[in-house]
Amino acid sequence: MSVLNWKHHTLIQALMSRGPLTEDELFNIFADVTEKNPRGNKREFNDYLLKINKELSFVQMEMRCCRNQNDGGVCYGLVNTVPDEQSKLGTKYSVPQIALFKGVIEAIVQDVTAQGSISNIDALNIRLENQVQNGTGSECQEGPSQIPPALRNFSMSQKEKTLDELVRDNWLCHTPDGAIGLGARSYLDLRSLGKVCENEGCTARIHHYCLEKKISHSRGEIVCPSCGIQWHRGAGKTEVIEEEGDLNGPTQSQPPAGSKRQKLRAKTNIPAAASGCVSSQGSQSGSKSNRRITRASARLS
């Protein structure tokens, strides 16, 4: 077992007390405790993160980094890796609040415009009863009497306060145009939000942020590097790709070569990989994606 010293503890405590940190913020803390610039000592920085993650694995936690699709910046944070019943108890959010969060995520990933966000009105109008599950894990189709009173009586003002709280806690965010999008914590859990090529026979996908950046800086057409079809802003589907790679290798600004990725694709698709703008991958069954949504909402804290 690796032995952590006070410097490792400082990095962990900073993430636990402050929540997700930007790359610059974590680098500054690392520089303060080690008196070394992580940009010039990447190997030592990665060694620190490797030792931290080895220790955190014993308590089913992990330090992750991902690309925030709202601004393109890299952020670091701690996540729980086991969505068990015990972890579901470690939250300050109520059942209706978690149901609303799940509903927002599902609405974002099912949005036909694939913008990675929904309007504030759409978020407030989410039906919490659609998040009720029966004993088999599927959505409950029973009448109103089967819906918990806490969900039935959750008012519009309570929804609004919950959205504000989720934004304040970095689970959600307000986009520049006033919509509701995923926050840094959600990106760390789900990795990030990605766009699938409009050609259904193509397996290439790109980050929303990267696509918008390419379109804004391009003087001509943006085409898929795999099949050559023209890409348009807002078109295509959204899906999740979970990287199996972690912080045991190069930093996020330098993606690890040959890192394995597992794409989670389903009727309810969510975020794409954090490192590298465009990827081309095969698909898997949809059941894992639905479990991933449940896992994200179960770990609200």
Protein backbone atom coordinates (compact mmCIF):
# COMPACT_ATOMS: atom_id res chain seq x y z
CA MET A 1 0.00 0.00 0.00
CA SER A 2 1.31 3.44 -0.94
CA VAL A 3 2.04 5.84 1.89
CA LEU A 4 0.64 9.34 1.48
CA ASN A 5 2.28 12.32 3.12
CA TRP A 6 0.87 15.70 4.07
CA LYS A 7 1.32 16.99 0.53
CA HIS A 8 -0.97 14.29 -0.88
CA HIS A 9 -3.42 14.95 1.96
CA THR A 10 -3.47 18.65 1.12
CA LEU A 11 -4.50 17.95 -2.49
CA ILE A 12 -7.25 15.56 -1.35
CA GLN A 13 -8.55 17.91 1.33
CA ALA A 14 -8.63 20.81 -1.13
CA LEU A 15 -10.86 18.83 -3.49
CA MET A 16 -13.07 17.57 -0.65
CA SER A 17 -13.61 20.99 0.90
CA ARG A 18 -13.82 23.15 -2.24
CA GLY A 19 -15.35 20.73 -4.69
CA PRO A 20 -14.17 20.57 -8.33
CA LEU A 21 -11.09 22.67 -9.07
CA THR A 22 -9.86 24.03 -12.36
CA GLU A 23 -6.54 22.82 -13.68
CA ASP A 24 -4.88 26.12 -12.74
CA GLU A 25 -6.28 25.98 -9.20
CA LEU A 26 -5.00 22.45 -8.59
CA PHE A 27 -1.67 23.26 -10.20
CA ASN A 28 -1.27 26.27 -7.90
CA ILE A 29 -1.97 24.15 -4.81
CA PHE A 30 0.49 21.52 -6.03
CA ALA A 31 3.13 24.20 -6.62
CA ASP A 32 2.57 25.64 -3.13
CA VAL A 33 3.01 22.32 -1.31
CA THR A 34 5.82 20.87 -3.45
CA GLU A 35 7.55 24.08 -4.59
CA LYS A 36 7.56 22.63 -8.10
CA ASN A 37 5.69 23.75 -11.19
CA PRO A 38 3.50 20.84 -12.37
CA ARG A 39 3.67 22.07 -15.96
CA GLY A 40 7.41 21.56 -15.91
CA ASN A 41 7.31 18.47 -13.68
CA LYS A 42 4.45 16.51 -15.20
CA ARG A 43 5.94 13.14 -14.31
CA GLU A 44 6.09 14.01 -10.61
CA PHE A 45 2.60 15.54 -10.74
CA ASN A 46 1.23 12.34 -12.30
CA ASP A 47 3.05 10.24 -9.70
CA TYR A 48 1.27 12.18 -6.96
CA LEU A 49 -2.12 11.56 -8.57
CA LEU A 50 -1.30 7.88 -9.11
CA LYS A 51 -0.50 7.38 -5.42
CA ILE A 52 -3.62 9.28 -4.40
CA ASN A 53 -5.87 7.18 -6.60
CA LYS A 54 -4.33 3.94 -5.36
CA GLU A 55 -5.26 4.91 -1.82
CA LEU A 56 -8.68 6.28 -2.73
CA SER A 57 -9.56 3.01 -4.46
CA PHE A 58 -9.77 1.34 -1.02
CA VAL A 59 -12.72 3.61 -0.16
CA GLN A 60 -14.32 3.36 -3.63
CA MET A 61 -13.34 6.88 -4.62
CA GLU A 62 -11.29 8.31 -7.44
CA MET A 63 -9.71 11.61 -8.40
CA ARG A 64 -10.69 12.44 -11.97
CA CYS A 65 -10.08 15.14 -14.50
CA CYS A 66 -12.33 16.01 -17.42
CA ARG A 67 -12.93 18.77 -19.92
CA ASN A 68 -15.73 21.11 -18.92
CA GLN A 69 -17.85 21.43 -22.05
CA ASN A 70 -19.17 24.82 -20.93
CA ASP A 71 -15.85 26.63 -21.25
CA GLY A 72 -13.42 24.00 -22.57
CA GLY A 73 -11.31 24.10 -19.42
CA VAL A 74 -9.95 21.07 -17.58
CA CYS A 75 -11.24 20.44 -14.05
CA TYR A 76 -10.37 17.97 -11.30
CA GLY A 77 -12.58 16.42 -8.66
CA LEU A 78 -13.33 13.43 -6.44
CA VAL A 79 -16.06 10.96 -7.38
CA ASN A 80 -17.55 7.87 -5.80
CA THR A 81 -16.98 4.80 -8.00
CA VAL A 82 -19.55 2.43 -6.45
CA PRO A 83 -23.26 3.32 -6.78
CA ASP A 84 -24.35 1.13 -3.86
CA GLU A 85 -27.20 1.71 -1.40
CA GLN A 86 -24.83 3.18 1.18
CA SER A 87 -23.55 5.85 -1.20
CA LYS A 88 -27.15 6.87 -1.97
CA LEU A 89 -27.57 7.79 1.70
CA GLY A 90 -24.64 10.19 1.65
CA THR A 91 -26.49 13.14 0.18
CA LYS A 92 -28.05 16.35 1.39
CA TYR A 93 -30.67 16.27 -1.36
CA SER A 94 -34.19 14.96 -0.88
CA VAL A 95 -35.87 12.32 -3.05
CA PRO A 96 -37.79 14.92 -5.11
CA GLN A 97 -34.62 16.95 -5.65
CA ILE A 98 -32.73 13.89 -6.91
CA ALA A 99 -35.68 13.00 -9.15
CA LEU A 100 -35.58 16.51 -10.63
CA PHE A 101 -31.83 16.22 -11.24
CA LYS A 102 -32.32 12.88 -13.01
CA GLY A 103 -35.08 14.41 -15.09
CA VAL A 104 -32.87 17.33 -16.11
CA ILE A 105 -30.06 15.01 -17.21
CA GLU A 106 -32.43 12.85 -19.23
CA ALA A 107 -34.04 15.91 -20.83
CA ILE A 108 -30.62 17.27 -21.81
CA VAL A 109 -29.44 14.06 -23.43
CA GLN A 110 -32.76 13.42 -25.17
CA ASP A 111 -33.00 16.95 -26.55
CA VAL A 112 -33.36 16.65 -30.33
CA THR A 113 -31.31 19.82 -30.88
CA ALA A 114 -28.33 18.23 -29.06
CA GLN A 115 -27.33 21.57 -27.55
CA GLY A 116 -26.25 20.06 -24.24
CA SER A 117 -28.77 22.18 -22.34
CA ILE A 118 -32.49 22.80 -21.87
CA SER A 119 -34.45 25.95 -21.14
CA ASN A 120 -35.23 26.93 -17.56
CA ILE A 121 -38.96 26.52 -18.32
CA ASP A 122 -38.43 22.97 -19.60
CA ALA A 123 -36.45 22.13 -16.46
CA LEU A 124 -39.21 23.45 -14.21
CA ASN A 125 -41.86 21.50 -16.13
CA ILE A 126 -40.14 18.12 -15.74
CA ARG A 127 -42.59 15.54 -14.36
CA LEU A 128 -41.02 13.99 -11.29
CA GLU A 129 -43.38 11.03 -11.35
CA ASN A 130 -41.63 9.86 -14.54
CA GLN A 131 -38.57 9.18 -12.36
CA VAL A 132 -40.44 6.78 -10.05
CA GLN A 133 -39.25 3.19 -10.46
CA ASN A 134 -40.95 0.01 -9.47
CA GLY A 135 -39.31 -3.04 -7.95
CA THR A 136 -37.94 -4.19 -11.31
CA GLY A 137 -36.09 -0.94 -11.91
CA SER A 138 -38.36 0.26 -14.73
CA GLU A 139 -40.50 3.35 -14.70
CA CYS A 140 -43.66 2.97 -12.67
CA GLN A 141 -46.81 2.94 -14.77
CA GLU A 142 -49.22 2.95 -11.83
CA GLY A 143 -51.81 5.62 -11.10
CA PRO A 144 -51.37 8.76 -8.97
CA SER A 145 -51.92 6.78 -5.78
CA GLN A 146 -48.63 4.92 -6.40
CA ILE A 147 -46.62 8.14 -6.70
CA PRO A 148 -44.97 9.22 -3.42
CA PRO A 149 -46.62 12.34 -1.94
CA ALA A 150 -43.22 14.03 -1.76
CA LEU A 151 -43.06 13.99 -5.58
CA ARG A 152 -46.72 14.91 -6.11
CA ASN A 153 -46.49 17.87 -3.75
CA PHE A 154 -43.14 19.22 -4.96
CA SER A 155 -44.07 22.77 -5.98
CA MET A 156 -42.75 24.91 -8.80
CA SER A 157 -41.01 27.21 -6.32
CA GLN A 158 -39.29 24.19 -4.74
CA LYS A 159 -38.12 23.10 -8.18
CA GLU A 160 -36.72 26.57 -8.81
CA LYS A 161 -34.87 26.58 -5.49
CA THR A 162 -33.52 23.08 -6.23
CA LEU A 163 -32.19 24.15 -9.63
CA ASP A 164 -30.45 27.12 -8.01
CA GLU A 165 -28.94 24.81 -5.39
CA LEU A 166 -27.75 22.32 -8.02
CA VAL A 167 -26.14 25.19 -9.94
CA ARG A 168 -24.51 26.50 -6.76
CA ASP A 169 -23.13 23.02 -6.01
CA ASN A 170 -21.77 22.65 -9.57
CA TRP A 171 -24.05 19.76 -10.55
CA LEU A 172 -25.77 22.02 -13.08
CA CYS A 173 -24.92 25.40 -14.57
CA HIS A 174 -26.52 28.40 -16.22
CA THR A 175 -25.37 28.78 -19.83
CA PRO A 176 -24.69 32.25 -21.32
CA ASP A 177 -28.12 32.21 -23.00
CA GLY A 178 -29.89 31.45 -19.71
CA ALA A 179 -30.45 27.73 -20.26
CA ILE A 180 -29.70 24.88 -17.83
CA GLY A 181 -26.67 22.71 -18.61
CA LEU A 182 -24.46 20.21 -16.85
CA GLY A 183 -22.02 21.46 -14.22
CA ALA A 184 -18.43 20.48 -13.51
CA ARG A 185 -19.42 17.74 -11.05
CA SER A 186 -21.71 16.10 -13.58
CA TYR A 187 -19.00 16.20 -16.24
CA LEU A 188 -16.58 14.55 -13.81
CA ASP A 189 -19.10 11.80 -13.14
CA LEU A 190 -20.37 11.35 -16.68
CA ARG A 191 -17.07 12.44 -18.31
CA SER A 192 -18.55 14.97 -20.81
CA LEU A 193 -21.20 15.61 -23.43
CA GLY A 194 -20.53 14.65 -27.03
CA LYS A 195 -22.16 14.86 -30.45
CA VAL A 196 -22.54 11.85 -32.72
CA CYS A 197 -21.92 12.23 -36.44
CA GLU A 198 -25.11 12.97 -38.38
CA ASN A 199 -24.32 9.99 -40.60
CA GLU A 200 -25.84 7.05 -38.70
CA GLY A 201 -23.33 4.69 -40.28
CA CYS A 202 -20.37 6.67 -38.95
CA THR A 203 -18.89 6.09 -35.48
CA ALA A 204 -17.07 9.45 -35.12
CA ARG A 205 -18.11 11.85 -32.38
CA ILE A 206 -16.90 15.25 -31.12
CA HIS A 207 -17.25 17.36 -27.99
CA HIS A 208 -19.92 20.06 -28.21
CA TYR A 209 -17.41 22.67 -27.09
CA CYS A 210 -14.87 21.57 -29.69
CA LEU A 211 -17.47 21.57 -32.46
CA GLU A 212 -18.67 25.07 -31.59
CA LYS A 213 -15.08 26.27 -31.52
CA LYS A 214 -14.34 24.72 -34.91
CA ILE A 215 -17.47 26.24 -36.44
CA SER A 216 -16.77 29.71 -35.03
CA HIS A 217 -13.19 29.71 -36.33
CA SER A 218 -13.88 28.08 -39.67
CA ARG A 219 -14.34 30.03 -42.88
CA GLY A 220 -15.70 27.03 -44.75
CA GLU A 221 -17.57 23.84 -44.09
CA ILE A 222 -16.81 21.58 -41.12
CA VAL A 223 -16.78 17.97 -42.24
CA CYS A 224 -16.53 14.70 -40.34
CA PRO A 225 -12.90 13.49 -40.39
CA SER A 226 -14.16 9.92 -40.69
CA CYS A 227 -16.92 9.91 -43.34
CA GLY A 228 -16.60 13.42 -44.81
CA ILE A 229 -20.23 14.49 -44.22
CA GLN A 230 -20.77 18.17 -43.33
CA TRP A 231 -21.36 18.88 -39.64
CA HIS A 232 -23.92 21.48 -38.57
CA ARG A 233 -24.36 23.26 -35.26
CA GLY A 234 -27.05 21.60 -33.10
CA ALA A 235 -27.62 18.60 -35.37
CA GLY A 236 -26.97 14.98 -34.43
CA LYS A 237 -27.47 12.95 -31.27
CA THR A 238 -25.84 13.07 -27.86
CA GLU A 239 -24.19 10.19 -26.03
CA VAL A 240 -21.90 9.21 -23.17
CA ILE A 241 -18.44 7.75 -23.45
CA GLU A 242 -16.83 6.59 -20.24
CA GLU A 243 -13.07 6.44 -20.27
CA GLU A 244 -11.47 3.51 -18.54
CA GLY A 245 -8.25 5.51 -18.34
CA ASP A 246 -7.72 7.69 -15.25
CA LEU A 247 -5.20 10.07 -13.72
CA ASN A 248 -2.53 7.40 -13.61
CA GLY A 249 -1.05 8.65 -16.87
CA PRO A 250 -0.40 12.00 -18.57
CA THR A 251 -2.46 15.02 -17.58
CA GLN A 252 -5.69 15.85 -19.33
CA SER A 253 -4.01 18.47 -21.48
CA GLN A 254 -1.93 15.65 -22.96
CA PRO A 255 -4.28 12.68 -23.51
CA PRO A 256 -2.74 9.24 -22.90
CA ALA A 257 -1.92 7.36 -26.05
CA GLY A 258 -3.97 4.25 -26.62
CA SER A 259 -6.25 4.80 -23.60
CA LYS A 260 -9.25 2.49 -23.63
CA ARG A 261 -12.74 3.93 -23.88
CA GLN A 262 -16.07 2.30 -23.49
CA LYS A 263 -18.99 3.99 -25.20
CA LEU A 264 -22.33 3.87 -23.48
CA ARG A 265 -25.07 4.34 -26.04
CA ALA A 266 -28.81 4.05 -25.58
CA LYS A 267 -32.16 5.75 -26.03
CA THR A 268 -31.02 7.99 -23.20
CA ASN A 269 -27.49 8.95 -24.21
CA ILE A 270 -25.11 11.21 -22.24
CA PRO A 271 -21.58 12.85 -22.31
CA ALA A 272 -18.45 11.98 -24.46
CA ALA A 273 -14.79 11.52 -23.54
CA ALA A 274 -12.85 14.26 -21.82
CA SER A 275 -9.57 14.08 -23.72
CA GLY A 276 -9.24 14.43 -27.45
CA CYS A 277 -11.81 16.24 -29.58
CA VAL A 278 -12.87 13.62 -32.11
CA SER A 279 -13.09 9.88 -31.60
CA SER A 280 -14.35 6.92 -33.60
CA GLN A 281 -15.74 3.96 -31.71
CA GLY A 282 -18.15 1.07 -31.78
CA SER A 283 -21.34 0.87 -29.74
CA GLN A 284 -22.69 -1.24 -26.89
CA SER A 285 -26.07 -2.02 -25.42
CA GLY A 286 -28.27 0.71 -23.96
CA SER A 287 -28.89 -0.68 -20.49
CA LYS A 288 -25.55 0.57 -19.17
CA SER A 289 -26.39 4.15 -20.10
CA ASN A 290 -29.54 4.14 -18.03
CA ARG A 291 -27.59 2.76 -15.07
CA ARG A 292 -25.05 5.53 -15.55
CA ILE A 293 -27.73 8.18 -15.20
CA THR A 294 -28.97 6.56 -11.99
CA ARG A 295 -25.41 6.39 -10.67
CA ALA A 296 -24.87 10.10 -11.25
CA SER A 297 -28.04 11.12 -9.44
CA ALA A 298 -27.38 8.67 -6.61
CA ARG A 299 -24.13 10.39 -5.69
CA LEU A 300 -25.39 13.93 -5.20
CA SER A 301 -23.75 15.39 -2.12
